[in-house]
All heavy atoms as atom14 arrays in JSON, in Angstrom:
{
  "sequence": "RGLSCGLQITHVDSHQHLHVLPGIVDIVLKLCSEFGIKKIRMPQEGW",
  "atom14_mask": [
    [1, 1, 1, 1, 1, 1, 1, 1, 1, 1, 1, 0, 0, 0],
    [1, 1, 1, 1, 0, 0, 0, 0, 0, 0, 0, 0, 0, 0],
    [1, 1, 1, 1, 1, 1, 1, 1, 0, 0, 0, 0, 0, 0],
    [1, 1, 1, 1, 1, 1, 0, 0, 0, 0, 0, 0, 0, 0],
    [1, 1, 1, 1, 1, 1, 0, 0, 0, 0, 0, 0, 0, 0],
    [1, 1, 1, 1, 0, 0, 0, 0, 0, 0, 0, 0, 0, 0],
    [1, 1, 1, 1, 1, 1, 1, 1, 0, 0, 0, 0, 0, 0],
    [1, 1, 1, 1, 1, 1, 1, 1, 1, 0, 0, 0, 0, 0],
    [1, 1, 1, 1, 1, 1, 1, 1, 0, 0, 0, 0, 0, 0],
    [1, 1, 1, 1, 1, 1, 1, 0, 0, 0, 0, 0, 0, 0],
    [1, 1, 1, 1, 1, 1, 1, 1, 1, 1, 0, 0, 0, 0],
    [1, 1, 1, 1, 1, 1, 1, 0, 0, 0, 0, 0, 0, 0],
    [1, 1, 1, 1, 1, 1, 1, 1, 0, 0, 0, 0, 0, 0],
    [1, 1, 1, 1, 1, 1, 0, 0, 0, 0, 0, 0, 0, 0],
    [1, 1, 1, 1, 1, 1, 1, 1, 1, 1, 0, 0, 0, 0],
    [1, 1, 1, 1, 1, 1, 1, 1, 1, 0, 0, 0, 0, 0],
    [1, 1, 1, 1, 1, 1, 1, 1, 1, 1, 0, 0, 0, 0],
    [1, 1, 1, 1, 1, 1, 1, 1, 0, 0, 0, 0, 0, 0],
    [1, 1, 1, 1, 1, 1, 1, 1, 1, 1, 0, 0, 0, 0],
    [1, 1, 1, 1, 1, 1, 1, 0, 0, 0, 0, 0, 0, 0],
    [1, 1, 1, 1, 1, 1, 1, 1, 0, 0, 0, 0, 0, 0],
    [1, 1, 1, 1, 1, 1, 1, 0, 0, 0, 0, 0, 0, 0],
    [1, 1, 1, 1, 0, 0, 0, 0, 0, 0, 0, 0, 0, 0],
    [1, 1, 1, 1, 1, 1, 1, 1, 0, 0, 0, 0, 0, 0],
    [1, 1, 1, 1, 1, 1, 1, 0, 0, 0, 0, 0, 0, 0],
    [1, 1, 1, 1, 1, 1, 1, 1, 0, 0, 0, 0, 0, 0],
    [1, 1, 1, 1, 1, 1, 1, 1, 0, 0, 0, 0, 0, 0],
    [1, 1, 1, 1, 1, 1, 1, 0, 0, 0, 0, 0, 0, 0],
    [1, 1, 1, 1, 1, 1, 1, 1, 0, 0, 0, 0, 0, 0],
    [1, 1, 1, 1, 1, 1, 1, 1, 1, 0, 0, 0, 0, 0],
    [1, 1, 1, 1, 1, 1, 1, 1, 0, 0, 0, 0, 0, 0],
    [1, 1, 1, 1, 1, 1, 0, 0, 0, 0, 0, 0, 0, 0],
    [1, 1, 1, 1, 1, 1, 0, 0, 0, 0, 0, 0, 0, 0],
    [1, 1, 1, 1, 1, 1, 1, 1, 1, 0, 0, 0, 0, 0],
    [1, 1, 1, 1, 1, 1, 1, 1, 1, 1, 1, 0, 0, 0],
    [1, 1, 1, 1, 0, 0, 0, 0, 0, 0, 0, 0, 0, 0],
    [1, 1, 1, 1, 1, 1, 1, 1, 0, 0, 0, 0, 0, 0],
    [1, 1, 1, 1, 1, 1, 1, 1, 1, 0, 0, 0, 0, 0],
    [1, 1, 1, 1, 1, 1, 1, 1, 1, 0, 0, 0, 0, 0],
    [1, 1, 1, 1, 1, 1, 1, 1, 0, 0, 0, 0, 0, 0],
    [1, 1, 1, 1, 1, 1, 1, 1, 1, 1, 1, 0, 0, 0],
    [1, 1, 1, 1, 1, 1, 1, 1, 0, 0, 0, 0, 0, 0],
    [1, 1, 1, 1, 1, 1, 1, 0, 0, 0, 0, 0, 0, 0],
    [1, 1, 1, 1, 1, 1, 1, 1, 1, 0, 0, 0, 0, 0],
    [1, 1, 1, 1, 1, 1, 1, 1, 1, 0, 0, 0, 0, 0],
    [1, 1, 1, 1, 0, 0, 0, 0, 0, 0, 0, 0, 0, 0],
    [1, 1, 1, 1, 1, 1, 1, 1, 1, 1, 1, 1, 1, 1]
  ],
  "atom14_positions": [
    [[0.83, -1.21, 0.0], [-0.01, -0.01, 0.0], [0.86, 1.25, 0.0], [0.61, 2.21, -0.73], [-0.94, 0.01, 1.21], [-1.96, 1.13, 1.14], [-2.96, 1.03, 2.26], [-4.07, 1.95, 1.99], [-4.88, 2.43, 2.91], [-4.72, 2.07, 4.19], [-5.84, 3.25, 2.59], [0.0, 0.0, 0.0], [0.0, 0.0, 0.0], [0.0, 0.0, 0.0]],
    [[1.91, 1.25, 0.81], [2.79, 2.41, 0.88], [3.55, 2.64, -0.42], [3.69, 3.78, -0.88], [0.0, 0.0, 0.0], [0.0, 0.0, 0.0], [0.0, 0.0, 0.0], [0.0, 0.0, 0.0], [0.0, 0.0, 0.0], [0.0, 0.0, 0.0], [0.0, 0.0, 0.0], [0.0, 0.0, 0.0], [0.0, 0.0, 0.0], [0.0, 0.0, 0.0]],
    [[4.02, 1.57, -1.01], [4.8, 1.7, -2.24], [3.93, 2.04, -3.45], [4.45, 2.55, -4.45], [5.58, 0.4, -2.5], [6.73, 0.15, -1.53], [7.25, -1.26, -1.65], [7.86, 1.16, -1.74], [0.0, 0.0, 0.0], [0.0, 0.0, 0.0], [0.0, 0.0, 0.0], [0.0, 0.0, 0.0], [0.0, 0.0, 0.0], [0.0, 0.0, 0.0]],
    [[2.65, 1.77, -3.38], [1.78, 2.03, -4.54], [1.05, 3.4, -4.47], [0.3, 3.7, -5.36], [0.73, 0.91, -4.65], [-0.2, 0.99, -3.56], [0.0, 0.0, 0.0], [0.0, 0.0, 0.0], [0.0, 0.0, 0.0], [0.0, 0.0, 0.0], [0.0, 0.0, 0.0], [0.0, 0.0, 0.0], [0.0, 0.0, 0.0], [0.0, 0.0, 0.0]],
    [[1.35, 4.19, -3.44], [0.62, 5.46, -3.28], [1.21, 6.62, -4.08], [0.68, 7.73, -4.04], [0.5, 5.83, -1.8], [2.06, 6.35, -1.06], [0.0, 0.0, 0.0], [0.0, 0.0, 0.0], [0.0, 0.0, 0.0], [0.0, 0.0, 0.0], [0.0, 0.0, 0.0], [0.0, 0.0, 0.0], [0.0, 0.0, 0.0], [0.0, 0.0, 0.0]],
    [[2.31, 6.38, -4.77], [2.88, 7.44, -5.59], [3.94, 8.29, -4.92], [4.4, 9.27, -5.5], [0.0, 0.0, 0.0], [0.0, 0.0, 0.0], [0.0, 0.0, 0.0], [0.0, 0.0, 0.0], [0.0, 0.0, 0.0], [0.0, 0.0, 0.0], [0.0, 0.0, 0.0], [0.0, 0.0, 0.0], [0.0, 0.0, 0.0], [0.0, 0.0, 0.0]],
    [[4.35, 7.94, -3.71], [5.4, 8.67, -3.02], [6.73, 7.92, -3.16], [6.74, 6.7, -3.28], [5.08, 8.8, -1.53], [3.86, 9.65, -1.17], [3.51, 9.49, 0.31], [4.12, 11.12, -1.5], [0.0, 0.0, 0.0], [0.0, 0.0, 0.0], [0.0, 0.0, 0.0], [0.0, 0.0, 0.0], [0.0, 0.0, 0.0], [0.0, 0.0, 0.0]],
    [[7.84, 8.66, -3.13], [9.16, 8.05, -3.12], [9.44, 7.64, -1.67], [9.64, 8.48, -0.82], [10.21, 9.05, -3.61], [11.61, 8.5, -3.65], [11.78, 7.39, -4.68], [11.23, 7.46, -5.76], [12.54, 6.38, -4.35], [0.0, 0.0, 0.0], [0.0, 0.0, 0.0], [0.0, 0.0, 0.0], [0.0, 0.0, 0.0], [0.0, 0.0, 0.0]],
    [[9.46, 6.35, -1.39], [9.65, 5.85, -0.04], [11.15, 5.86, 0.3], [11.96, 5.32, -0.44], [9.04, 4.44, 0.13], [7.52, 4.49, -0.15], [9.33, 3.85, 1.5], [6.74, 5.45, 0.75], [0.0, 0.0, 0.0], [0.0, 0.0, 0.0], [0.0, 0.0, 0.0], [0.0, 0.0, 0.0], [0.0, 0.0, 0.0], [0.0, 0.0, 0.0]],
    [[11.48, 6.47, 1.44], [12.88, 6.64, 1.84], [13.4, 5.57, 2.77], [14.6, 5.28, 2.79], [13.08, 8.0, 2.53], [12.21, 8.06, 3.67], [12.75, 9.15, 1.56], [0.0, 0.0, 0.0], [0.0, 0.0, 0.0], [0.0, 0.0, 0.0], [0.0, 0.0, 0.0], [0.0, 0.0, 0.0], [0.0, 0.0, 0.0], [0.0, 0.0, 0.0]],
    [[12.5, 4.97, 3.58], [12.95, 4.02, 4.6], [11.78, 3.24, 5.17], [10.63, 3.55, 4.86], [13.66, 4.77, 5.74], [12.74, 5.61, 6.57], [12.26, 6.83, 6.17], [12.17, 5.38, 7.78], [11.46, 7.33, 7.08], [11.39, 6.44, 8.08], [0.0, 0.0, 0.0], [0.0, 0.0, 0.0], [0.0, 0.0, 0.0], [0.0, 0.0, 0.0]],
    [[12.07, 2.31, 6.05], [11.06, 1.57, 6.81], [11.45, 1.66, 8.28], [12.63, 1.61, 8.64], [10.99, 0.1, 6.35], [10.25, -0.77, 7.38], [10.32, -0.01, 5.01], [0.0, 0.0, 0.0], [0.0, 0.0, 0.0], [0.0, 0.0, 0.0], [0.0, 0.0, 0.0], [0.0, 0.0, 0.0], [0.0, 0.0, 0.0], [0.0, 0.0, 0.0]],
    [[10.44, 1.8, 9.12], [10.6, 1.67, 10.56], [9.27, 1.09, 11.07], [8.47, 0.6, 10.29], [10.96, 3.0, 11.25], [9.95, 4.11, 11.0], [8.75, 3.84, 10.86], [10.38, 5.28, 10.98], [0.0, 0.0, 0.0], [0.0, 0.0, 0.0], [0.0, 0.0, 0.0], [0.0, 0.0, 0.0], [0.0, 0.0, 0.0], [0.0, 0.0, 0.0]],
    [[9.05, 1.1, 12.39], [7.8, 0.54, 12.87], [7.33, 1.2, 14.14], [8.08, 1.83, 14.88], [7.95, -0.97, 13.11], [8.79, -1.21, 14.22], [0.0, 0.0, 0.0], [0.0, 0.0, 0.0], [0.0, 0.0, 0.0], [0.0, 0.0, 0.0], [0.0, 0.0, 0.0], [0.0, 0.0, 0.0], [0.0, 0.0, 0.0], [0.0, 0.0, 0.0]],
    [[6.04, 1.03, 14.35], [5.4, 1.53, 15.56], [5.94, 0.79, 16.78], [5.94, -0.43, 16.82], [3.87, 1.33, 15.4], [3.07, 2.09, 16.39], [3.11, 3.46, 16.48], [2.17, 1.69, 17.3], [2.27, 3.86, 17.41], [1.69, 2.8, 17.92], [0.0, 0.0, 0.0], [0.0, 0.0, 0.0], [0.0, 0.0, 0.0], [0.0, 0.0, 0.0]],
    [[6.43, 1.55, 17.73], [7.0, 1.01, 18.98], [8.17, 0.04, 18.69], [8.42, -0.87, 19.46], [5.93, 0.4, 19.87], [4.9, 1.42, 20.3], [3.88, 0.9, 21.28], [3.94, -0.24, 21.73], [2.92, 1.74, 21.62], [0.0, 0.0, 0.0], [0.0, 0.0, 0.0], [0.0, 0.0, 0.0], [0.0, 0.0, 0.0], [0.0, 0.0, 0.0]],
    [[8.85, 0.25, 17.58], [10.05, -0.52, 17.19], [9.83, -2.03, 17.12], [10.75, -2.82, 17.33], [11.22, -0.23, 18.14], [11.6, 1.22, 18.2], [11.75, 2.01, 17.09], [11.88, 2.01, 19.27], [12.12, 3.23, 17.47], [12.19, 3.26, 18.79], [0.0, 0.0, 0.0], [0.0, 0.0, 0.0], [0.0, 0.0, 0.0], [0.0, 0.0, 0.0]],
    [[8.6, -2.45, 16.82], [8.34, -3.89, 16.74], [9.13, -4.59, 15.63], [9.36, -5.79, 15.69], [6.85, -4.15, 16.54], [5.95, -3.89, 17.72], [4.49, -4.14, 17.36], [6.34, -4.74, 18.91], [0.0, 0.0, 0.0], [0.0, 0.0, 0.0], [0.0, 0.0, 0.0], [0.0, 0.0, 0.0], [0.0, 0.0, 0.0], [0.0, 0.0, 0.0]],
    [[9.62, -3.82, 14.66], [10.37, -4.42, 13.57], [11.72, -4.98, 13.98], [12.33, -5.72, 13.22], [10.53, -3.42, 12.41], [11.46, -2.3, 12.68], [11.18, -1.3, 13.58], [12.67, -2.0, 12.15], [12.17, -0.42, 13.58], [13.1, -0.82, 12.72], [0.0, 0.0, 0.0], [0.0, 0.0, 0.0], [0.0, 0.0, 0.0], [0.0, 0.0, 0.0]],
    [[12.19, -4.66, 15.16], [13.49, -5.19, 15.61], [13.36, -6.36, 16.58], [14.38, -6.87, 17.05], [14.39, -4.08, 16.21], [14.68, -3.02, 15.15], [13.76, -3.48, 17.44], [0.0, 0.0, 0.0], [0.0, 0.0, 0.0], [0.0, 0.0, 0.0], [0.0, 0.0, 0.0], [0.0, 0.0, 0.0], [0.0, 0.0, 0.0], [0.0, 0.0, 0.0]],
    [[12.16, -6.8, 16.86], [11.99, -7.98, 17.73], [12.54, -9.22, 17.04], [12.36, -9.39, 15.82], [10.51, -8.21, 18.07], [9.82, -7.27, 19.03], [8.37, -7.65, 19.18], [10.52, -7.27, 20.37], [0.0, 0.0, 0.0], [0.0, 0.0, 0.0], [0.0, 0.0, 0.0], [0.0, 0.0, 0.0], [0.0, 0.0, 0.0], [0.0, 0.0, 0.0]],
    [[13.21, -10.07, 17.78], [13.67, -11.34, 17.19], [12.49, -12.09, 16.51], [11.42, -12.18, 17.07], [14.22, -12.13, 18.38], [14.65, -11.05, 19.34], [13.62, -9.95, 19.18], [0.0, 0.0, 0.0], [0.0, 0.0, 0.0], [0.0, 0.0, 0.0], [0.0, 0.0, 0.0], [0.0, 0.0, 0.0], [0.0, 0.0, 0.0], [0.0, 0.0, 0.0]],
    [[12.75, -12.53, 15.31], [11.71, -13.21, 14.53], [10.96, -12.23, 13.63], [10.69, -12.56, 12.48], [0.0, 0.0, 0.0], [0.0, 0.0, 0.0], [0.0, 0.0, 0.0], [0.0, 0.0, 0.0], [0.0, 0.0, 0.0], [0.0, 0.0, 0.0], [0.0, 0.0, 0.0], [0.0, 0.0, 0.0], [0.0, 0.0, 0.0], [0.0, 0.0, 0.0]],
    [[10.64, -11.07, 14.12], [10.0, -10.04, 13.3], [11.03, -9.37, 12.39], [10.78, -9.14, 11.22], [9.27, -8.98, 14.17], [8.23, -9.62, 15.08], [8.67, -7.89, 13.29], [7.05, -10.23, 14.37], [0.0, 0.0, 0.0], [0.0, 0.0, 0.0], [0.0, 0.0, 0.0], [0.0, 0.0, 0.0], [0.0, 0.0, 0.0], [0.0, 0.0, 0.0]],
    [[12.21, -9.11, 12.94], [13.26, -8.44, 12.15], [13.62, -9.25, 10.91], [13.86, -8.7, 9.83], [14.51, -8.11, 13.02], [15.26, -9.37, 13.43], [15.42, -7.14, 12.27], [0.0, 0.0, 0.0], [0.0, 0.0, 0.0], [0.0, 0.0, 0.0], [0.0, 0.0, 0.0], [0.0, 0.0, 0.0], [0.0, 0.0, 0.0], [0.0, 0.0, 0.0]],
    [[13.62, -10.57, 11.02], [13.93, -11.42, 9.86], [12.89, -11.26, 8.78], [13.21, -11.2, 7.58], [14.03, -12.89, 10.28], [15.06, -13.11, 11.37], [16.12, -12.47, 11.3], [14.81, -13.94, 12.26], [0.0, 0.0, 0.0], [0.0, 0.0, 0.0], [0.0, 0.0, 0.0], [0.0, 0.0, 0.0], [0.0, 0.0, 0.0], [0.0, 0.0, 0.0]],
    [[11.63, -11.17, 9.18], [10.52, -10.97, 8.23], [10.67, -9.62, 7.54], [10.57, -9.51, 6.31], [9.16, -11.07, 8.96], [8.95, -12.48, 9.5], [8.02, -10.64, 8.02], [7.79, -12.6, 10.48], [0.0, 0.0, 0.0], [0.0, 0.0, 0.0], [0.0, 0.0, 0.0], [0.0, 0.0, 0.0], [0.0, 0.0, 0.0], [0.0, 0.0, 0.0]],
    [[10.94, -8.57, 8.32], [11.05, -7.21, 7.78], [12.23, -7.13, 6.82], [12.11, -6.55, 5.72], [11.15, -6.17, 8.91], [11.47, -4.78, 8.37], [9.85, -6.13, 9.72], [0.0, 0.0, 0.0], [0.0, 0.0, 0.0], [0.0, 0.0, 0.0], [0.0, 0.0, 0.0], [0.0, 0.0, 0.0], [0.0, 0.0, 0.0], [0.0, 0.0, 0.0]],
    [[13.37, -7.68, 7.19], [14.55, -7.65, 6.31], [14.26, -8.35, 4.98], [14.62, -7.86, 3.9], [15.74, -8.28, 7.01], [16.36, -7.49, 8.14], [17.4, -8.3, 8.88], [16.94, -6.18, 7.64], [0.0, 0.0, 0.0], [0.0, 0.0, 0.0], [0.0, 0.0, 0.0], [0.0, 0.0, 0.0], [0.0, 0.0, 0.0], [0.0, 0.0, 0.0]],
    [[13.61, -9.5, 5.05], [13.28, -10.26, 3.83], [12.32, -9.47, 2.95], [12.53, -9.36, 1.74], [12.7, -11.62, 4.21], [12.43, -12.52, 3.01], [11.95, -13.89, 3.48], [11.8, -14.89, 2.38], [10.88, -14.52, 1.33], [0.0, 0.0, 0.0], [0.0, 0.0, 0.0], [0.0, 0.0, 0.0], [0.0, 0.0, 0.0], [0.0, 0.0, 0.0]],
    [[11.28, -8.89, 3.55], [10.33, -8.12, 2.75], [10.95, -6.87, 2.16], [10.7, -6.54, 0.99], [9.12, -7.76, 3.61], [8.16, -8.91, 3.94], [7.11, -8.47, 4.97], [7.47, -9.45, 2.7], [0.0, 0.0, 0.0], [0.0, 0.0, 0.0], [0.0, 0.0, 0.0], [0.0, 0.0, 0.0], [0.0, 0.0, 0.0], [0.0, 0.0, 0.0]],
    [[11.77, -6.18, 2.93], [12.43, -4.98, 2.42], [13.34, -5.35, 1.24], [13.39, -4.62, 0.24], [13.23, -4.27, 3.5], [12.16, -3.34, 4.64], [0.0, 0.0, 0.0], [0.0, 0.0, 0.0], [0.0, 0.0, 0.0], [0.0, 0.0, 0.0], [0.0, 0.0, 0.0], [0.0, 0.0, 0.0], [0.0, 0.0, 0.0], [0.0, 0.0, 0.0]],
    [[14.01, -6.46, 1.34], [14.87, -6.92, 0.24], [14.02, -7.21, -0.99], [14.35, -6.79, -2.11], [15.65, -8.16, 0.67], [16.41, -8.66, -0.4], [0.0, 0.0, 0.0], [0.0, 0.0, 0.0], [0.0, 0.0, 0.0], [0.0, 0.0, 0.0], [0.0, 0.0, 0.0], [0.0, 0.0, 0.0], [0.0, 0.0, 0.0], [0.0, 0.0, 0.0]],
    [[12.91, -7.89, -0.81], [12.01, -8.22, -1.93], [11.43, -6.98, -2.59], [11.24, -6.94, -3.8], [10.88, -9.12, -1.44], [11.31, -10.52, -1.09], [10.2, -11.35, -0.44], [9.04, -10.89, -0.39], [10.53, -12.46, 0.03], [0.0, 0.0, 0.0], [0.0, 0.0, 0.0], [0.0, 0.0, 0.0], [0.0, 0.0, 0.0], [0.0, 0.0, 0.0]],
    [[11.16, -5.94, -1.79], [10.55, -4.71, -2.31], [11.6, -3.66, -2.71], [11.25, -2.57, -3.15], [9.59, -4.11, -1.3], [8.27, -4.84, -1.21], [7.98, -5.67, -0.14], [7.3, -4.7, -2.21], [6.78, -6.34, -0.05], [6.09, -5.35, -2.12], [5.83, -6.19, -1.05], [0.0, 0.0, 0.0], [0.0, 0.0, 0.0], [0.0, 0.0, 0.0]],
    [[12.87, -3.96, -2.53], [13.93, -3.04, -2.92], [14.12, -1.86, -1.99], [14.64, -0.82, -2.39], [0.0, 0.0, 0.0], [0.0, 0.0, 0.0], [0.0, 0.0, 0.0], [0.0, 0.0, 0.0], [0.0, 0.0, 0.0], [0.0, 0.0, 0.0], [0.0, 0.0, 0.0], [0.0, 0.0, 0.0], [0.0, 0.0, 0.0], [0.0, 0.0, 0.0]],
    [[13.7, -2.01, -0.75], [13.87, -0.94, 0.24], [15.22, -1.16, 0.92], [15.47, -2.2, 1.51], [12.73, -0.95, 1.26], [11.38, -0.68, 0.54], [12.97, 0.09, 2.36], [10.17, -0.92, 1.39], [0.0, 0.0, 0.0], [0.0, 0.0, 0.0], [0.0, 0.0, 0.0], [0.0, 0.0, 0.0], [0.0, 0.0, 0.0], [0.0, 0.0, 0.0]],
    [[16.08, -0.14, 0.85], [17.46, -0.31, 1.31], [17.75, 0.32, 2.67], [18.82, 0.09, 3.23], [18.4, 0.27, 0.28], [18.31, -0.43, -1.07], [19.33, 0.06, -2.04], [19.25, -0.49, -3.41], [19.01, -1.87, -3.61], [0.0, 0.0, 0.0], [0.0, 0.0, 0.0], [0.0, 0.0, 0.0], [0.0, 0.0, 0.0], [0.0, 0.0, 0.0]],
    [[16.81, 1.07, 3.22], [17.08, 1.74, 4.5], [16.01, 1.36, 5.53], [14.82, 1.48, 5.27], [17.14, 3.25, 4.31], [18.3, 3.66, 3.44], [18.4, 5.14, 3.27], [19.59, 5.42, 2.39], [19.55, 6.7, 1.8], [0.0, 0.0, 0.0], [0.0, 0.0, 0.0], [0.0, 0.0, 0.0], [0.0, 0.0, 0.0], [0.0, 0.0, 0.0]],
    [[16.51, 0.94, 6.7], [15.64, 0.58, 7.82], [16.16, 1.31, 9.05], [17.36, 1.23, 9.35], [15.67, -0.96, 8.09], [15.17, -1.71, 6.85], [14.79, -1.29, 9.31], [15.32, -3.21, 6.95], [0.0, 0.0, 0.0], [0.0, 0.0, 0.0], [0.0, 0.0, 0.0], [0.0, 0.0, 0.0], [0.0, 0.0, 0.0], [0.0, 0.0, 0.0]],
    [[15.28, 2.03, 9.73], [15.69, 2.73, 10.93], [15.92, 1.73, 12.06], [15.05, 0.94, 12.37], [14.64, 3.77, 11.35], [15.11, 4.65, 12.52], [14.18, 5.78, 12.76], [13.01, 5.33, 13.5], [11.93, 6.07, 13.69], [11.81, 7.26, 13.16], [10.92, 5.57, 14.37], [0.0, 0.0, 0.0], [0.0, 0.0, 0.0], [0.0, 0.0, 0.0]],
    [[17.08, 1.8, 12.67], [17.41, 0.91, 13.77], [17.52, 1.74, 15.06], [18.37, 2.61, 15.17], [18.74, 0.21, 13.51], [18.69, -0.7, 12.27], [17.37, -1.92, 12.29], [17.97, -3.07, 13.51], [0.0, 0.0, 0.0], [0.0, 0.0, 0.0], [0.0, 0.0, 0.0], [0.0, 0.0, 0.0], [0.0, 0.0, 0.0], [0.0, 0.0, 0.0]],
    [[16.62, 1.49, 16.01], [16.65, 2.26, 17.25], [17.9, 1.9, 18.07], [18.43, 0.8, 17.98], [15.39, 1.82, 17.98], [15.1, 0.47, 17.41], [15.59, 0.49, 15.97], [0.0, 0.0, 0.0], [0.0, 0.0, 0.0], [0.0, 0.0, 0.0], [0.0, 0.0, 0.0], [0.0, 0.0, 0.0], [0.0, 0.0, 0.0], [0.0, 0.0, 0.0]],
    [[18.35, 2.84, 18.89], [19.53, 2.6, 19.7], [19.24, 2.8, 21.19], [20.15, 3.08, 21.96], [20.66, 3.51, 19.27], [21.14, 3.17, 17.85], [22.32, 4.02, 17.45], [22.64, 5.02, 18.06], [22.97, 3.61, 16.38], [0.0, 0.0, 0.0], [0.0, 0.0, 0.0], [0.0, 0.0, 0.0], [0.0, 0.0, 0.0], [0.0, 0.0, 0.0]],
    [[17.98, 2.63, 21.6], [17.66, 2.72, 23.01], [18.29, 1.53, 23.72], [18.5, 0.46, 23.15], [16.16, 2.7, 23.25], [15.45, 3.97, 22.89], [14.97, 3.99, 21.44], [15.22, 3.03, 20.71], [14.37, 4.99, 21.04], [0.0, 0.0, 0.0], [0.0, 0.0, 0.0], [0.0, 0.0, 0.0], [0.0, 0.0, 0.0], [0.0, 0.0, 0.0]],
    [[18.58, 1.71, 25.0], [19.13, 0.61, 25.8], [18.1, -0.5, 25.93], [16.91, -0.3, 25.75], [0.0, 0.0, 0.0], [0.0, 0.0, 0.0], [0.0, 0.0, 0.0], [0.0, 0.0, 0.0], [0.0, 0.0, 0.0], [0.0, 0.0, 0.0], [0.0, 0.0, 0.0], [0.0, 0.0, 0.0], [0.0, 0.0, 0.0], [0.0, 0.0, 0.0]],
    [[18.6, -1.68, 26.27], [17.72, -2.85, 26.39], [16.6, -2.64, 27.4], [15.54, -3.18, 27.26], [18.55, -4.08, 26.8], [19.35, -4.61, 25.65], [20.69, -4.43, 25.46], [18.87, -5.37, 24.55], [21.06, -5.05, 24.29], [19.97, -5.63, 23.71], [17.62, -5.85, 24.18], [19.86, -6.35, 22.54], [17.52, -6.57, 23.0], [18.62, -6.82, 22.21]]
  ]
}
């Protein structure tokens, strides 16, 4: 939906950083690779 709306997409991130959870991050990396998205915001908050 985001890629088809006519905007130049710059990156991917997620609500409450769920994209970096173990198991979820693998899914996001694979999908970003498939869709040609090269930038993913990586949070640097402490554990």
